[in-house]
Amino acid sequence: MSGGSYNYAYRHLEQFGDSLQTEASGCGYADRTLRELFKLHCYKVAEAMRAIEWNDSGDGAAKEQELIKACIAPEALPAQMRSALLRDIEEVEEAMKTARAILEGGA
């Protein structure tokens, strides 16, 4: 398979960033800086989306993980990793209890 496994969805986000208004034009927003930063974020997410689409289409994009991580808030990734590790530890602890019961002849 080549290209377009997600209908080039990343292009829609790039186009959104391209058309995002950053100058006040009566649409009611007040913070140009936030809009500029959000526009840059859209481009970062679009780049990660493109890498994912290329990899899922078989075209290959070597930096997918780095691009995804660049889109995630710095405080979010460690919290997610901690949650995943705690789940893994709980599963290992449960498996150890089962193994102990089997070895001790209780199960």
PDB file of N, CA and C in Angstrom:
ATOM      1  N   MET A   1       0.854  -1.162   0.000  1.00  0.00           N
ATOM      2  CA  MET A   1       0.000   0.000   0.000  1.00  0.00           C
ATOM      3  C   MET A   1       0.902   1.228   0.000  1.00  0.00           C
ATOM      4  N   SER A   2       0.490   2.265  -0.686  1.00  0.00           N
ATOM      5  CA  SER A   2       1.297   3.471  -0.717  1.00  0.00           C
ATOM      6  C   SER A   2       0.425   4.704  -0.551  1.00  0.00           C
ATOM      7  N   GLY A   3       0.804   5.549   0.402  1.00  0.00           N
ATOM      8  CA  GLY A   3       0.162   6.844   0.602  1.00  0.00           C
ATOM      9  C   GLY A   3      -1.307   6.811   0.944  1.00  0.00           C
ATOM     10  N   GLY A   4      -1.745   7.825   1.629  1.00  0.00           N
ATOM     11  CA  GLY A   4      -3.152   8.099   1.823  1.00  0.00           C
ATOM     12  C   GLY A   4      -3.961   7.147   2.666  1.00  0.00           C
ATOM     13  N   SER A   5      -3.348   6.419   3.570  1.00  0.00           N
ATOM     14  CA  SER A   5      -4.125   5.468   4.358  1.00  0.00           C
ATOM     15  C   SER A   5      -5.144   6.173   5.254  1.00  0.00           C
ATOM     16  N   TYR A   6      -4.963   7.469   5.493  1.00  0.00           N
ATOM     17  CA  TYR A   6      -5.930   8.251   6.265  1.00  0.00           C
ATOM     18  C   TYR A   6      -6.469   9.418   5.434  1.00  0.00           C
ATOM     19  N   ASN A   7      -6.494   9.227   4.122  1.00  0.00           N
ATOM     20  CA  ASN A   7      -7.001  10.259   3.217  1.00  0.00           C
ATOM     21  C   ASN A   7      -6.242  11.581   3.353  1.00  0.00           C
ATOM     22  N   TYR A   8      -4.955  11.481   3.655  1.00  0.00           N
ATOM     23  CA  TYR A   8      -4.109  12.663   3.796  1.00  0.00           C
ATOM     24  C   TYR A   8      -4.698  13.659   4.799  1.00  0.00           C
ATOM     25  N   ALA A   9      -5.182  13.145   5.930  1.00  0.00           N
ATOM     26  CA  ALA A   9      -5.831  13.964   6.959  1.00  0.00           C
ATOM     27  C   ALA A   9      -4.910  15.078   7.455  1.00  0.00           C
ATOM     28  N   TYR A  10      -3.612  14.813   7.475  1.00  0.00           N
ATOM     29  CA  TYR A  10      -2.674  15.830   7.952  1.00  0.00           C
ATOM     30  C   TYR A  10      -2.773  17.106   7.131  1.00  0.00           C
ATOM     31  N   ARG A  11      -3.117  16.982   5.847  1.00  0.00           N
ATOM     32  CA  ARG A  11      -3.246  18.161   4.974  1.00  0.00           C
ATOM     33  C   ARG A  11      -4.358  19.098   5.474  1.00  0.00           C
ATOM     34  N   HIS A  12      -5.427  18.518   6.007  1.00  0.00           N
ATOM     35  CA  HIS A  12      -6.520  19.355   6.518  1.00  0.00           C
ATOM     36  C   HIS A  12      -6.037  20.211   7.687  1.00  0.00           C
ATOM     37  N   LEU A  13      -5.218  19.631   8.554  1.00  0.00           N
ATOM     38  CA  LEU A  13      -4.700  20.385   9.686  1.00  0.00           C
ATOM     39  C   LEU A  13      -3.694  21.445   9.223  1.00  0.00           C
ATOM     40  N   GLU A  14      -2.879  21.101   8.236  1.00  0.00           N
ATOM     41  CA  GLU A  14      -1.967  22.100   7.671  1.00  0.00           C
ATOM     42  C   GLU A  14      -2.753  23.260   7.079  1.00  0.00           C
ATOM     43  N   GLN A  15      -3.820  22.931   6.350  1.00  0.00           N
ATOM     44  CA  GLN A  15      -4.642  23.973   5.741  1.00  0.00           C
ATOM     45  C   GLN A  15      -5.327  24.836   6.801  1.00  0.00           C
ATOM     46  N   PHE A  16      -5.758  24.191   7.903  1.00  0.00           N
ATOM     47  CA  PHE A  16      -6.336  24.955   9.003  1.00  0.00           C
ATOM     48  C   PHE A  16      -5.305  25.955   9.530  1.00  0.00           C
ATOM     49  N   GLY A  17      -4.091  25.484   9.759  1.00  0.00           N
ATOM     50  CA  GLY A  17      -3.028  26.370  10.228  1.00  0.00           C
ATOM     51  C   GLY A  17      -2.756  27.491   9.239  1.00  0.00           C
ATOM     52  N   ASP A  18      -2.753  27.151   7.948  1.00  0.00           N
ATOM     53  CA  ASP A  18      -2.517  28.161   6.916  1.00  0.00           C
ATOM     54  C   ASP A  18      -3.576  29.253   6.946  1.00  0.00           C
ATOM     55  N   SER A  19      -4.829  28.878   7.214  1.00  0.00           N
ATOM     56  CA  SER A  19      -5.899  29.873   7.177  1.00  0.00           C
ATOM     57  C   SER A  19      -6.256  30.476   8.529  1.00  0.00           C
ATOM     58  N   LEU A  20      -5.656  29.987   9.599  1.00  0.00           N
ATOM     59  CA  LEU A  20      -5.972  30.500  10.925  1.00  0.00           C
ATOM     60  C   LEU A  20      -5.645  31.989  11.000  1.00  0.00           C
ATOM     61  N   GLN A  21      -6.628  32.768  11.363  1.00  0.00           N
ATOM     62  CA  GLN A  21      -6.437  34.209  11.457  1.00  0.00           C
ATOM     63  C   GLN A  21      -5.687  34.537  12.734  1.00  0.00           C
ATOM     64  N   THR A  22      -4.637  35.329  12.574  1.00  0.00           N
ATOM     65  CA  THR A  22      -3.875  35.747  13.745  1.00  0.00           C
ATOM     66  C   THR A  22      -3.961  37.258  13.944  1.00  0.00           C
ATOM     67  N   GLU A  23      -4.604  37.929  13.041  1.00  0.00           N
ATOM     68  CA  GLU A  23      -4.856  39.363  13.175  1.00  0.00           C
ATOM     69  C   GLU A  23      -6.332  39.545  13.500  1.00  0.00           C
ATOM     70  N   ALA A  24      -6.631  40.396  14.449  1.00  0.00           N
ATOM     71  CA  ALA A  24      -8.028  40.645  14.828  1.00  0.00           C
ATOM     72  C   ALA A  24      -8.808  41.137  13.613  1.00  0.00           C
ATOM     73  N   SER A  25      -9.944  40.511  13.396  1.00  0.00           N
ATOM     74  CA  SER A  25     -10.766  40.906  12.247  1.00  0.00           C
ATOM     75  C   SER A  25     -12.242  40.824  12.615  1.00  0.00           C
ATOM     76  N   GLY A  26     -12.556  41.204  13.837  1.00  0.00           N
ATOM     77  CA  GLY A  26     -13.945  41.215  14.241  1.00  0.00           C
ATOM     78  C   GLY A  26     -14.495  39.860  14.651  1.00  0.00           C
ATOM     79  N   CYS A  27     -13.628  38.836  14.746  1.00  0.00           N
ATOM     80  CA  CYS A  27     -14.142  37.514  15.095  1.00  0.00           C
ATOM     81  C   CYS A  27     -14.149  37.283  16.602  1.00  0.00           C
ATOM     82  N   GLY A  28     -13.722  38.260  17.376  1.00  0.00           N
ATOM     83  CA  GLY A  28     -13.901  38.189  18.811  1.00  0.00           C
ATOM     84  C   GLY A  28     -12.737  37.684  19.636  1.00  0.00           C
ATOM     85  N   TYR A  29     -11.640  37.263  19.051  1.00  0.00           N
ATOM     86  CA  TYR A  29     -10.535  36.789  19.876  1.00  0.00           C
ATOM     87  C   TYR A  29      -9.647  37.967  20.266  1.00  0.00           C
ATOM     88  N   ALA A  30      -8.911  37.796  21.352  1.00  0.00           N
ATOM     89  CA  ALA A  30      -8.126  38.910  21.870  1.00  0.00           C
ATOM     90  C   ALA A  30      -6.625  38.632  21.911  1.00  0.00           C
ATOM     91  N   ASP A  31      -6.213  37.386  21.879  1.00  0.00           N
ATOM     92  CA  ASP A  31      -4.807  37.083  22.102  1.00  0.00           C
ATOM     93  C   ASP A  31      -4.136  36.541  20.844  1.00  0.00           C
ATOM     94  N   ARG A  32      -3.463  37.415  20.134  1.00  0.00           N
ATOM     95  CA  ARG A  32      -2.775  37.041  18.892  1.00  0.00           C
ATOM     96  C   ARG A  32      -1.673  36.021  19.167  1.00  0.00           C
ATOM     97  N   THR A  33      -0.946  36.184  20.268  1.00  0.00           N
ATOM     98  CA  THR A  33       0.158  35.287  20.595  1.00  0.00           C
ATOM     99  C   THR A  33      -0.328  33.857  20.767  1.00  0.00           C
ATOM    100  N   LEU A  34      -1.443  33.673  21.475  1.00  0.00           N
ATOM    101  CA  LEU A  34      -1.986  32.322  21.641  1.00  0.00           C
ATOM    102  C   LEU A  34      -2.337  31.705  20.300  1.00  0.00           C
ATOM    103  N   ARG A  35      -2.924  32.494  19.419  1.00  0.00           N
ATOM    104  CA  ARG A  35      -3.265  31.975  18.094  1.00  0.00           C
ATOM    105  C   ARG A  35      -2.018  31.605  17.303  1.00  0.00           C
ATOM    106  N   GLU A  36      -0.995  32.417  17.384  1.00  0.00           N
ATOM    107  CA  GLU A  36       0.265  32.105  16.683  1.00  0.00           C
ATOM    108  C   GLU A  36       0.853  30.800  17.217  1.00  0.00           C
ATOM    109  N   LEU A  37       0.848  30.643  18.538  1.00  0.00           N
ATOM    110  CA  LEU A  37       1.368  29.416  19.139  1.00  0.00           C
ATOM    111  C   LEU A  37       0.526  28.206  18.746  1.00  0.00           C
ATOM    112  N   PHE A  38      -0.788  28.389  18.722  1.00  0.00           N
ATOM    113  CA  PHE A  38      -1.662  27.286  18.332  1.00  0.00           C
ATOM    114  C   PHE A  38      -1.442  26.921  16.862  1.00  0.00           C
ATOM    115  N   LYS A  39      -1.233  27.904  16.027  1.00  0.00           N
ATOM    116  CA  LYS A  39      -0.941  27.658  14.609  1.00  0.00           C
ATOM    117  C   LYS A  39       0.314  26.789  14.473  1.00  0.00           C
ATOM    118  N   LEU A  40       1.357  27.130  15.233  1.00  0.00           N
ATOM    119  CA  LEU A  40       2.585  26.328  15.210  1.00  0.00           C
ATOM    120  C   LEU A  40       2.325  24.911  15.705  1.00  0.00           C
ATOM    121  N   HIS A  41       1.482  24.794  16.728  1.00  0.00           N
ATOM    122  CA  HIS A  41       1.135  23.467  17.249  1.00  0.00           C
ATOM    123  C   HIS A  41       0.411  22.645  16.184  1.00  0.00           C
ATOM    124  N   CYS A  42      -0.480  23.284  15.437  1.00  0.00           N
ATOM    125  CA  CYS A  42      -1.187  22.587  14.349  1.00  0.00           C
ATOM    126  C   CYS A  42      -0.191  22.005  13.354  1.00  0.00           C
ATOM    127  N   TYR A  43       0.824  22.789  13.009  1.00  0.00           N
ATOM    128  CA  TYR A  43       1.825  22.306  12.060  1.00  0.00           C
ATOM    129  C   TYR A  43       2.618  21.130  12.640  1.00  0.00           C
ATOM    130  N   LYS A  44       2.918  21.196  13.946  1.00  0.00           N
ATOM    131  CA  LYS A  44       3.633  20.085  14.594  1.00  0.00           C
ATOM    132  C   LYS A  44       2.788  18.820  14.570  1.00  0.00           C
ATOM    133  N   VAL A  45       1.512  18.951  14.904  1.00  0.00           N
ATOM    134  CA  VAL A  45       0.611  17.791  14.910  1.00  0.00           C
ATOM    135  C   VAL A  45       0.453  17.246  13.494  1.00  0.00           C
ATOM    136  N   ALA A  46       0.333  18.141  12.527  1.00  0.00           N
ATOM    137  CA  ALA A  46       0.205  17.702  11.133  1.00  0.00           C
ATOM    138  C   ALA A  46       1.441  16.918  10.699  1.00  0.00           C
ATOM    139  N   GLU A  47       2.610  17.350  11.140  1.00  0.00           N
ATOM    140  CA  GLU A  47       3.842  16.637  10.782  1.00  0.00           C
ATOM    141  C   GLU A  47       3.847  15.230  11.390  1.00  0.00           C
ATOM    142  N   ALA A  48       3.398  15.115  12.642  1.00  0.00           N
ATOM    143  CA  ALA A  48       3.312  13.795  13.272  1.00  0.00           C
ATOM    144  C   ALA A  48       2.264  12.937  12.567  1.00  0.00           C
ATOM    145  N   MET A  49       1.122  13.542  12.219  1.00  0.00           N
ATOM    146  CA  MET A  49       0.068  12.811  11.510  1.00  0.00           C
ATOM    147  C   MET A  49       0.584  12.287  10.167  1.00  0.00           C
ATOM    148  N   ARG A  50       1.359  13.109   9.489  1.00  0.00           N
ATOM    149  CA  ARG A  50       1.923  12.692   8.196  1.00  0.00           C
ATOM    150  C   ARG A  50       2.835  11.485   8.378  1.00  0.00           C
ATOM    151  N   ALA A  51       3.693  11.524   9.405  1.00  0.00           N
ATOM    152  CA  ALA A  51       4.599  10.391   9.659  1.00  0.00           C
ATOM    153  C   ALA A  51       3.804   9.124   9.952  1.00  0.00           C
ATOM    154  N   ILE A  52       2.758   9.243  10.759  1.00  0.00           N
ATOM    155  CA  ILE A  52       1.914   8.088  11.066  1.00  0.00           C
ATOM    156  C   ILE A  52       1.278   7.553   9.791  1.00  0.00           C
ATOM    157  N   GLU A  53       0.727   8.458   8.992  1.00  0.00           N
ATOM    158  CA  GLU A  53       0.070   8.031   7.747  1.00  0.00           C
ATOM    159  C   GLU A  53       1.055   7.353   6.803  1.00  0.00           C
ATOM    160  N   TRP A  54       2.242   7.908   6.677  1.00  0.00           N
ATOM    161  CA  TRP A  54       3.238   7.313   5.792  1.00  0.00           C
ATOM    162  C   TRP A  54       3.644   5.937   6.291  1.00  0.00           C
ATOM    163  N   ASN A  55       3.847   5.801   7.590  1.00  0.00           N
ATOM    164  CA  ASN A  55       4.214   4.486   8.124  1.00  0.00           C
ATOM    165  C   ASN A  55       3.086   3.484   7.943  1.00  0.00           C
ATOM    166  N   ASP A  56       1.850   3.894   8.203  1.00  0.00           N
ATOM    167  CA  ASP A  56       0.721   2.978   8.061  1.00  0.00           C
ATOM    168  C   ASP A  56       0.410   2.655   6.603  1.00  0.00           C
ATOM    169  N   SER A  57       0.922   3.481   5.696  1.00  0.00           N
ATOM    170  CA  SER A  57       0.741   3.226   4.267  1.00  0.00           C
ATOM    171  C   SER A  57       1.894   2.431   3.676  1.00  0.00           C
ATOM    172  N   GLY A  58       2.913   2.180   4.498  1.00  0.00           N
ATOM    173  CA  GLY A  58       4.058   1.419   4.013  1.00  0.00           C
ATOM    174  C   GLY A  58       5.123   2.264   3.345  1.00  0.00           C
ATOM    175  N   ASP A  59       4.998   3.584   3.427  1.00  0.00           N
ATOM    176  CA  ASP A  59       5.977   4.463   2.787  1.00  0.00           C
ATOM    177  C   ASP A  59       7.176   4.758   3.688  1.00  0.00           C
ATOM    178  N   GLY A  60       6.978   4.663   4.990  1.00  0.00           N
ATOM    179  CA  GLY A  60       8.062   4.856   5.944  1.00  0.00           C
ATOM    180  C   GLY A  60       8.312   6.301   6.320  1.00  0.00           C
ATOM    181  N   ALA A  61       8.417   6.526   7.614  1.00  0.00           N
ATOM    182  CA  ALA A  61       8.782   7.827   8.176  1.00  0.00           C
ATOM    183  C   ALA A  61       9.518   7.530   9.476  1.00  0.00           C
ATOM    184  N   ALA A  62      10.819   7.721   9.461  1.00  0.00           N
ATOM    185  CA  ALA A  62      11.670   7.267  10.556  1.00  0.00           C
ATOM    186  C   ALA A  62      11.450   7.988  11.884  1.00  0.00           C
ATOM    187  N   LYS A  63      10.977   9.224  11.884  1.00  0.00           N
ATOM    188  CA  LYS A  63      10.934   9.999  13.118  1.00  0.00           C
ATOM    189  C   LYS A  63       9.540  10.058  13.744  1.00  0.00           C
ATOM    190  N   GLU A  64       8.693   9.077  13.489  1.00  0.00           N
ATOM    191  CA  GLU A  64       7.318   9.121  13.996  1.00  0.00           C
ATOM    192  C   GLU A  64       7.259   9.336  15.505  1.00  0.00           C
ATOM    193  N   GLN A  65       7.999   8.546  16.271  1.00  0.00           N
ATOM    194  CA  GLN A  65       7.924   8.651  17.734  1.00  0.00           C
ATOM    195  C   GLN A  65       8.342  10.027  18.233  1.00  0.00           C
ATOM    196  N   GLU A  66       9.419  10.558  17.691  1.00  0.00           N
ATOM    197  CA  GLU A  66       9.889  11.873  18.111  1.00  0.00           C
ATOM    198  C   GLU A  66       8.865  12.951  17.779  1.00  0.00           C
ATOM    199  N   LEU A  67       8.250  12.839  16.606  1.00  0.00           N
ATOM    200  CA  LEU A  67       7.257  13.836  16.191  1.00  0.00           C
ATOM    201  C   LEU A  67       6.014  13.776  17.074  1.00  0.00           C
ATOM    202  N   ILE A  68       5.598  12.582  17.440  1.00  0.00           N
ATOM    203  CA  ILE A  68       4.438  12.442  18.330  1.00  0.00           C
ATOM    204  C   ILE A  68       4.774  13.034  19.697  1.00  0.00           C
ATOM    205  N   LYS A  69       5.929  12.680  20.236  1.00  0.00           N
ATOM    206  CA  LYS A  69       6.323  13.195  21.548  1.00  0.00           C
ATOM    207  C   LYS A  69       6.398  14.715  21.559  1.00  0.00           C
ATOM    208  N   ALA A  70       6.804  15.315  20.449  1.00  0.00           N
ATOM    209  CA  ALA A  70       6.900  16.773  20.375  1.00  0.00           C
ATOM    210  C   ALA A  70       5.537  17.447  20.456  1.00  0.00           C
ATOM    211  N   CYS A  71       4.467  16.698  20.199  1.00  0.00           N
ATOM    212  CA  CYS A  71       3.107  17.253  20.235  1.00  0.00           C
ATOM    213  C   CYS A  71       2.458  17.134  21.598  1.00  0.00           C
ATOM    214  N   ILE A  72       3.030  16.322  22.454  1.00  0.00           N
ATOM    215  CA  ILE A  72       2.416  16.047  23.747  1.00  0.00           C
ATOM    216  C   ILE A  72       2.979  17.011  24.778  1.00  0.00           C
ATOM    217  N   ALA A  73       2.100  17.562  25.589  1.00  0.00           N
ATOM    218  CA  ALA A  73       2.535  18.482  26.634  1.00  0.00           C
ATOM    219  C   ALA A  73       3.566  17.796  27.514  1.00  0.00           C
ATOM    220  N   PRO A  74       4.634  18.494  27.871  1.00  0.00           N
ATOM    221  CA  PRO A  74       5.696  17.858  28.655  1.00  0.00           C
ATOM    222  C   PRO A  74       5.199  17.195  29.931  1.00  0.00           C
ATOM    223  N   GLU A  75       4.226  17.784  30.588  1.00  0.00           N
ATOM    224  CA  GLU A  75       3.741  17.186  31.829  1.00  0.00           C
ATOM    225  C   GLU A  75       2.829  15.993  31.583  1.00  0.00           C
ATOM    226  N   ALA A  76       2.281  15.853  30.390  1.00  0.00           N
ATOM    227  CA  ALA A  76       1.348  14.761  30.096  1.00  0.00           C
ATOM    228  C   ALA A  76       2.074  13.429  29.915  1.00  0.00           C
ATOM    229  N   LEU A  77       3.183  13.444  29.215  1.00  0.00           N
ATOM    230  CA  LEU A  77       3.883  12.196  28.925  1.00  0.00           C
ATOM    231  C   LEU A  77       4.356  11.482  30.185  1.00  0.00           C
ATOM    232  N   PRO A  78       5.024  12.160  31.102  1.00  0.00           N
ATOM    233  CA  PRO A  78       5.421  11.443  32.313  1.00  0.00           C
ATOM    234  C   PRO A  78       4.232  10.893  33.095  1.00  0.00           C
ATOM    235  N   ALA A  79       3.136  11.636  33.171  1.00  0.00           N
ATOM    236  CA  ALA A  79       1.957  11.149  33.892  1.00  0.00           C
ATOM    237  C   ALA A  79       1.403   9.903  33.217  1.00  0.00           C
ATOM    238  N   GLN A  80       1.357   9.914  31.899  1.00  0.00           N
ATOM    239  CA  GLN A  80       0.874   8.740  31.161  1.00  0.00           C
ATOM    240  C   GLN A  80       1.810   7.563  31.371  1.00  0.00           C
ATOM    241  N   MET A  81       3.093   7.837  31.347  1.00  0.00           N
ATOM    242  CA  MET A  81       4.062   6.762  31.538  1.00  0.00           C
ATOM    243  C   MET A  81       3.947   6.187  32.943  1.00  0.00           C
ATOM    244  N   ARG A  82       3.785   7.064  33.947  1.00  0.00           N
ATOM    245  CA  ARG A  82       3.618   6.577  35.321  1.00  0.00           C
ATOM    246  C   ARG A  82       2.384   5.703  35.437  1.00  0.00           C
ATOM    247  N   SER A  83       1.276   6.132  34.843  1.00  0.00           N
ATOM    248  CA  SER A  83       0.041   5.342  34.893  1.00  0.00           C
ATOM    249  C   SER A  83       0.245   3.978  34.248  1.00  0.00           C
ATOM    250  N   ALA A  84       0.904   3.960  33.095  1.00  0.00           N
ATOM    251  CA  ALA A  84       1.146   2.697  32.399  1.00  0.00           C
ATOM    252  C   ALA A  84       2.049   1.784  33.229  1.00  0.00           C
ATOM    253  N   LEU A  85       3.072   2.363  33.827  1.00  0.00           N
ATOM    254  CA  LEU A  85       3.979   1.561  34.645  1.00  0.00           C
ATOM    255  C   LEU A  85       3.268   1.009  35.881  1.00  0.00           C
ATOM    256  N   LEU A  86       2.422   1.818  36.505  1.00  0.00           N
ATOM    257  CA  LEU A  86       1.678   1.331  37.669  1.00  0.00           C
ATOM    258  C   LEU A  86       0.748   0.186  37.293  1.00  0.00           C
ATOM    259  N   ARG A  87       0.110   0.291  36.124  1.00  0.00           N
ATOM    260  CA  ARG A  87      -0.741  -0.813  35.638  1.00  0.00           C
ATOM    261  C   ARG A  87       0.096  -2.065  35.420  1.00  0.00           C
ATOM    262  N   ASP A  88       1.261  -1.896  34.808  1.00  0.00           N
ATOM    263  CA  ASP A  88       2.147  -3.037  34.564  1.00  0.00           C
ATOM    264  C   ASP A  88       2.589  -3.678  35.876  1.00  0.00           C
ATOM    265  N   ILE A  89       2.924  -2.857  36.853  1.00  0.00           N
ATOM    266  CA  ILE A  89       3.352  -3.380  38.152  1.00  0.00           C
ATOM    267  C   ILE A  89       2.227  -4.169  38.801  1.00  0.00           C
ATOM    268  N   GLU A  90       1.001  -3.637  38.734  1.00  0.00           N
ATOM    269  CA  GLU A  90      -0.146  -4.351  39.306  1.00  0.00           C
ATOM    270  C   GLU A  90      -0.343  -5.706  38.628  1.00  0.00           C
ATOM    271  N   GLU A  91      -0.190  -5.745  37.303  1.00  0.00           N
ATOM    272  CA  GLU A  91      -0.339  -7.003  36.572  1.00  0.00           C
ATOM    273  C   GLU A  91       0.751  -7.997  36.980  1.00  0.00           C
ATOM    274  N   VAL A  92       1.977  -7.510  37.126  1.00  0.00           N
ATOM    275  CA  VAL A  92       3.080  -8.381  37.532  1.00  0.00           C
ATOM    276  C   VAL A  92       2.841  -8.894  38.951  1.00  0.00           C
ATOM    277  N   GLU A  93       2.400  -8.001  39.839  1.00  0.00           N
ATOM    278  CA  GLU A  93       2.122  -8.428  41.220  1.00  0.00           C
ATOM    279  C   GLU A  93       1.042  -9.504  41.247  1.00  0.00           C
ATOM    280  N   GLU A  94       0.009  -9.346  40.449  1.00  0.00           N
ATOM    281  CA  GLU A  94      -1.068 -10.341  40.388  1.00  0.00           C
ATOM    282  C   GLU A  94      -0.542 -11.666  39.835  1.00  0.00           C
ATOM    283  N   ALA A  95       0.286 -11.582  38.800  1.00  0.00           N
ATOM    284  CA  ALA A  95       0.878 -12.801  38.237  1.00  0.00           C
ATOM    285  C   ALA A  95       1.778 -13.492  39.253  1.00  0.00           C
ATOM    286  N   MET A  96       2.507 -12.707  40.035  1.00  0.00           N
ATOM    287  CA  MET A  96       3.384 -13.277  41.060  1.00  0.00           C
ATOM    288  C   MET A  96       2.559 -13.983  42.144  1.00  0.00           C
ATOM    289  N   LYS A  97       1.434 -13.393  42.527  1.00  0.00           N
ATOM    290  CA  LYS A  97       0.562 -14.037  43.518  1.00  0.00           C
ATOM    291  C   LYS A  97       0.059 -15.373  43.002  1.00  0.00           C
ATOM    292  N   THR A  98      -0.343 -15.389  41.735  1.00  0.00           N
ATOM    293  CA  THR A  98      -0.837 -16.627  41.127  1.00  0.00           C
ATOM    294  C   THR A  98       0.277 -17.670  41.076  1.00  0.00           C
ATOM    295  N   ALA A  99       1.466 -17.245  40.670  1.00  0.00           N
ATOM    296  CA  ALA A  99       2.603 -18.164  40.589  1.00  0.00           C
ATOM    297  C   ALA A  99       2.955 -18.708  41.974  1.00  0.00           C
ATOM    298  N   ARG A 100       2.935 -17.853  42.988  1.00  0.00           N
ATOM    299  CA  ARG A 100       3.226 -18.306  44.351  1.00  0.00           C
ATOM    300  C   ARG A 100       2.220 -19.345  44.797  1.00  0.00           C
ATOM    301  N   ALA A 101       0.930 -19.082  44.532  1.00  0.00           N
ATOM    302  CA  ALA A 101      -0.111 -20.026  44.929  1.00  0.00           C
ATOM    303  C   ALA A 101       0.083 -21.365  44.238  1.00  0.00           C
ATOM    304  N   ILE A 102       0.452 -21.335  42.974  1.00  0.00           N
ATOM    305  CA  ILE A 102       0.683 -22.585  42.239  1.00  0.00           C
ATOM    306  C   ILE A 102       1.874 -23.334  42.821  1.00  0.00           C
ATOM    307  N   LEU A 103       2.975 -22.616  43.061  1.00  0.00           N
ATOM    308  CA  LEU A 103       4.184 -23.244  43.602  1.00  0.00           C
ATOM    309  C   LEU A 103       3.983 -23.791  44.999  1.00  0.00           C
ATOM    310  N   GLU A 104       3.128 -23.126  45.755  1.00  0.00           N
ATOM    311  CA  GLU A 104       2.868 -23.597  47.120  1.00  0.00           C
ATOM    312  C   GLU A 104       1.750 -24.629  47.155  1.00  0.00           C
ATOM    313  N   GLY A 105       1.225 -24.962  45.984  1.00  0.00           N
ATOM    314  CA  GLY A 105       0.193 -25.986  45.894  1.00  0.00           C
ATOM    315  C   GLY A 105      -1.195 -25.519  46.275  1.00  0.00           C
ATOM    316  N   GLY A 106      -1.420 -24.218  46.278  1.00  0.00           N
ATOM    317  CA  GLY A 106      -2.711 -23.695  46.681  1.00  0.00           C
ATOM    318  C   GLY A 106      -3.655 -23.417  45.516  1.00  0.00           C
ATOM    319  N   ALA A 107      -3.206 -23.570  44.295  1.00  0.00           N
ATOM    320  CA  ALA A 107      -4.129 -23.274  43.202  1.00  0.00           C
ATOM    321  C   ALA A 107      -4.133 -24.391  42.181  1.00  0.00           C
TER     322      ALA A 107
END
